[in-house]
Amino acid sequence: ETSELKDELEFYFIRHKRFPYPDSNEVDLGLYTKSNLGNKIDLWYDGQIRLTLHSEKKYLSRKTIIFIPTVDSNDNFSWECRDGTLEAQFRPQECR
């Protein structure tokens, strides 16, 4: 689940008019990795979140789902999540 991270990125963007730098300590990704069952979370400069799954199930292991933010002129956010290598049947409904 990435909803708390999305919320933090939205708040950060509204305050700073940019997304946090991926290799900075502006957002502690470790907090979200611990709550994501060992899945890996990467942040990109444009606010994209890449979630790499860690699973004993081969069809899920190392599969990715990418969450892409869009921000309108009123700082309203929407998130697209149809990119990545995770097959549609295993994605959340809103990401198919």
C-alpha atoms as a PDB file:
ATOM      1  CA  GLU A   1       0.000   0.000   0.000  1.00  0.00           C
ATOM      2  CA  THR A   2       1.420   3.372  -0.988  1.00  0.00           C
ATOM      3  CA  SER A   3      -1.365   5.740   0.081  1.00  0.00           C
ATOM      4  CA  GLU A   4       0.558   7.242   3.031  1.00  0.00           C
ATOM      5  CA  LEU A   5       3.603   7.842   0.832  1.00  0.00           C
ATOM      6  CA  LYS A   6       1.424   9.442  -1.837  1.00  0.00           C
ATOM      7  CA  ASP A   7      -0.071  11.722   0.819  1.00  0.00           C
ATOM      8  CA  GLU A   8       3.398  12.734   2.007  1.00  0.00           C
ATOM      9  CA  LEU A   9       4.557  13.445  -1.562  1.00  0.00           C
ATOM     10  CA  GLU A  10       1.464  15.559  -2.240  1.00  0.00           C
ATOM     11  CA  PHE A  11       2.016  17.557   0.948  1.00  0.00           C
ATOM     12  CA  TYR A  12       5.701  18.006   0.107  1.00  0.00           C
ATOM     13  CA  PHE A  13       4.878  19.176  -3.428  1.00  0.00           C
ATOM     14  CA  ILE A  14       2.332  21.727  -2.210  1.00  0.00           C
ATOM     15  CA  ARG A  15       4.826  23.178   0.278  1.00  0.00           C
ATOM     16  CA  HIS A  16       7.910  23.177  -1.995  1.00  0.00           C
ATOM     17  CA  LYS A  17       6.419  23.227  -5.533  1.00  0.00           C
ATOM     18  CA  ARG A  18       8.549  20.226  -6.430  1.00  0.00           C
ATOM     19  CA  PHE A  19       8.857  16.592  -5.492  1.00  0.00           C
ATOM     20  CA  PRO A  20      11.597  15.503  -3.098  1.00  0.00           C
ATOM     21  CA  TYR A  21      14.896  14.420  -4.595  1.00  0.00           C
ATOM     22  CA  PRO A  22      15.152  10.622  -4.682  1.00  0.00           C
ATOM     23  CA  ASP A  23      18.548  10.313  -3.020  1.00  0.00           C
ATOM     24  CA  SER A  24      17.907  12.896  -0.317  1.00  0.00           C
ATOM     25  CA  ASN A  25      16.533  12.482   3.183  1.00  0.00           C
ATOM     26  CA  GLU A  26      13.584  14.731   2.392  1.00  0.00           C
ATOM     27  CA  VAL A  27      11.303  11.685   2.569  1.00  0.00           C
ATOM     28  CA  ASP A  28      12.258   8.620   4.612  1.00  0.00           C
ATOM     29  CA  LEU A  29      11.376   5.765   2.255  1.00  0.00           C
ATOM     30  CA  GLY A  30      12.461   3.300   4.940  1.00  0.00           C
ATOM     31  CA  LEU A  31       9.299   4.093   6.880  1.00  0.00           C
ATOM     32  CA  TYR A  32       7.197   2.920   3.965  1.00  0.00           C
ATOM     33  CA  THR A  33       9.344  -0.083   3.062  1.00  0.00           C
ATOM     34  CA  LYS A  34       8.948  -1.490   6.572  1.00  0.00           C
ATOM     35  CA  SER A  35       5.176  -1.235   6.318  1.00  0.00           C
ATOM     36  CA  ASN A  36       5.164  -2.809   2.840  1.00  0.00           C
ATOM     37  CA  LEU A  37       6.253  -6.343   3.833  1.00  0.00           C
ATOM     38  CA  GLY A  38       9.784  -5.948   2.524  1.00  0.00           C
ATOM     39  CA  ASN A  39       8.745  -4.670  -0.874  1.00  0.00           C
ATOM     40  CA  LYS A  40      11.171  -2.161  -2.355  1.00  0.00           C
ATOM     41  CA  ILE A  41      10.080   1.420  -2.956  1.00  0.00           C
ATOM     42  CA  ASP A  42      11.941   3.782  -5.290  1.00  0.00           C
ATOM     43  CA  LEU A  43      11.130   7.442  -5.768  1.00  0.00           C
ATOM     44  CA  TRP A  44      11.853   9.311  -9.001  1.00  0.00           C
ATOM     45  CA  TYR A  45      12.419  13.053  -9.527  1.00  0.00           C
ATOM     46  CA  ASP A  46       8.994  13.572 -11.075  1.00  0.00           C
ATOM     47  CA  GLY A  47       7.243  12.026  -8.071  1.00  0.00           C
ATOM     48  CA  GLN A  48       6.791   8.579  -9.564  1.00  0.00           C
ATOM     49  CA  ILE A  49       6.814   5.719  -7.095  1.00  0.00           C
ATOM     50  CA  ARG A  50       8.077   2.317  -8.224  1.00  0.00           C
ATOM     51  CA  LEU A  51       7.024  -0.547  -5.983  1.00  0.00           C
ATOM     52  CA  THR A  52       9.000  -3.760  -6.537  1.00  0.00           C
ATOM     53  CA  LEU A  53       7.300  -6.743  -4.985  1.00  0.00           C
ATOM     54  CA  HIS A  54       9.072  -9.243  -2.778  1.00  0.00           C
ATOM     55  CA  SER A  55       7.239 -12.547  -2.727  1.00  0.00           C
ATOM     56  CA  GLU A  56       7.880 -16.259  -2.521  1.00  0.00           C
ATOM     57  CA  LYS A  57       5.378 -16.592  -5.371  1.00  0.00           C
ATOM     58  CA  LYS A  58       7.450 -16.519  -8.533  1.00  0.00           C
ATOM     59  CA  TYR A  59       4.722 -14.828 -10.594  1.00  0.00           C
ATOM     60  CA  LEU A  60       4.820 -11.851  -8.185  1.00  0.00           C
ATOM     61  CA  SER A  61       8.477 -11.722  -7.188  1.00  0.00           C
ATOM     62  CA  ARG A  62      10.410  -8.759  -8.609  1.00  0.00           C
ATOM     63  CA  LYS A  63       7.335  -7.495 -10.460  1.00  0.00           C
ATOM     64  CA  THR A  64       6.803  -3.745 -10.417  1.00  0.00           C
ATOM     65  CA  ILE A  65       3.952  -1.328 -10.337  1.00  0.00           C
ATOM     66  CA  ILE A  66       4.580   2.353 -11.000  1.00  0.00           C
ATOM     67  CA  PHE A  67       2.441   5.128  -9.572  1.00  0.00           C
ATOM     68  CA  ILE A  68       2.577   8.321 -11.659  1.00  0.00           C
ATOM     69  CA  PRO A  69       1.278  11.603 -10.222  1.00  0.00           C
ATOM     70  CA  THR A  70      -0.492  14.333 -12.137  1.00  0.00           C
ATOM     71  CA  VAL A  71      -0.934  17.739 -10.529  1.00  0.00           C
ATOM     72  CA  ASP A  72      -3.351  20.345 -11.860  1.00  0.00           C
ATOM     73  CA  SER A  73      -3.060  24.132 -11.492  1.00  0.00           C
ATOM     74  CA  ASN A  74      -4.968  23.997  -8.187  1.00  0.00           C
ATOM     75  CA  ASP A  75      -2.540  21.425  -6.716  1.00  0.00           C
ATOM     76  CA  ASN A  76      -5.090  18.627  -7.013  1.00  0.00           C
ATOM     77  CA  PHE A  77      -3.436  15.253  -7.460  1.00  0.00           C
ATOM     78  CA  SER A  78      -4.415  12.136  -9.330  1.00  0.00           C
ATOM     79  CA  TRP A  79      -2.357   8.952  -9.540  1.00  0.00           C
ATOM     80  CA  GLU A  80      -2.080   6.614 -12.525  1.00  0.00           C
ATOM     81  CA  CYS A  81      -0.860   3.114 -11.762  1.00  0.00           C
ATOM     82  CA  ARG A  82      -1.043   1.051 -14.937  1.00  0.00           C
ATOM     83  CA  ASP A  83       2.714   0.957 -15.684  1.00  0.00           C
ATOM     84  CA  GLY A  84       5.215  -1.650 -14.526  1.00  0.00           C
ATOM     85  CA  THR A  85       5.709  -5.366 -15.025  1.00  0.00           C
ATOM     86  CA  LEU A  86       2.985  -6.668 -12.705  1.00  0.00           C
ATOM     87  CA  GLU A  87       0.250  -8.384 -14.702  1.00  0.00           C
ATOM     88  CA  ALA A  88      -3.125  -6.642 -14.626  1.00  0.00           C
ATOM     89  CA  GLN A  89      -4.889  -9.552 -12.919  1.00  0.00           C
ATOM     90  CA  PHE A  90      -2.705  -9.099  -9.819  1.00  0.00           C
ATOM     91  CA  ARG A  91      -3.044  -5.308  -9.603  1.00  0.00           C
ATOM     92  CA  PRO A  92      -5.506  -3.416  -7.449  1.00  0.00           C
ATOM     93  CA  GLN A  93      -8.761  -2.787  -9.318  1.00  0.00           C
ATOM     94  CA  GLU A  94      -8.005   0.916  -9.846  1.00  0.00           C
ATOM     95  CA  CYS A  95      -4.704  -0.012 -11.541  1.00  0.00           C
ATOM     96  CA  ARG A  96      -6.043  -2.341 -14.241  1.00  0.00           C
END
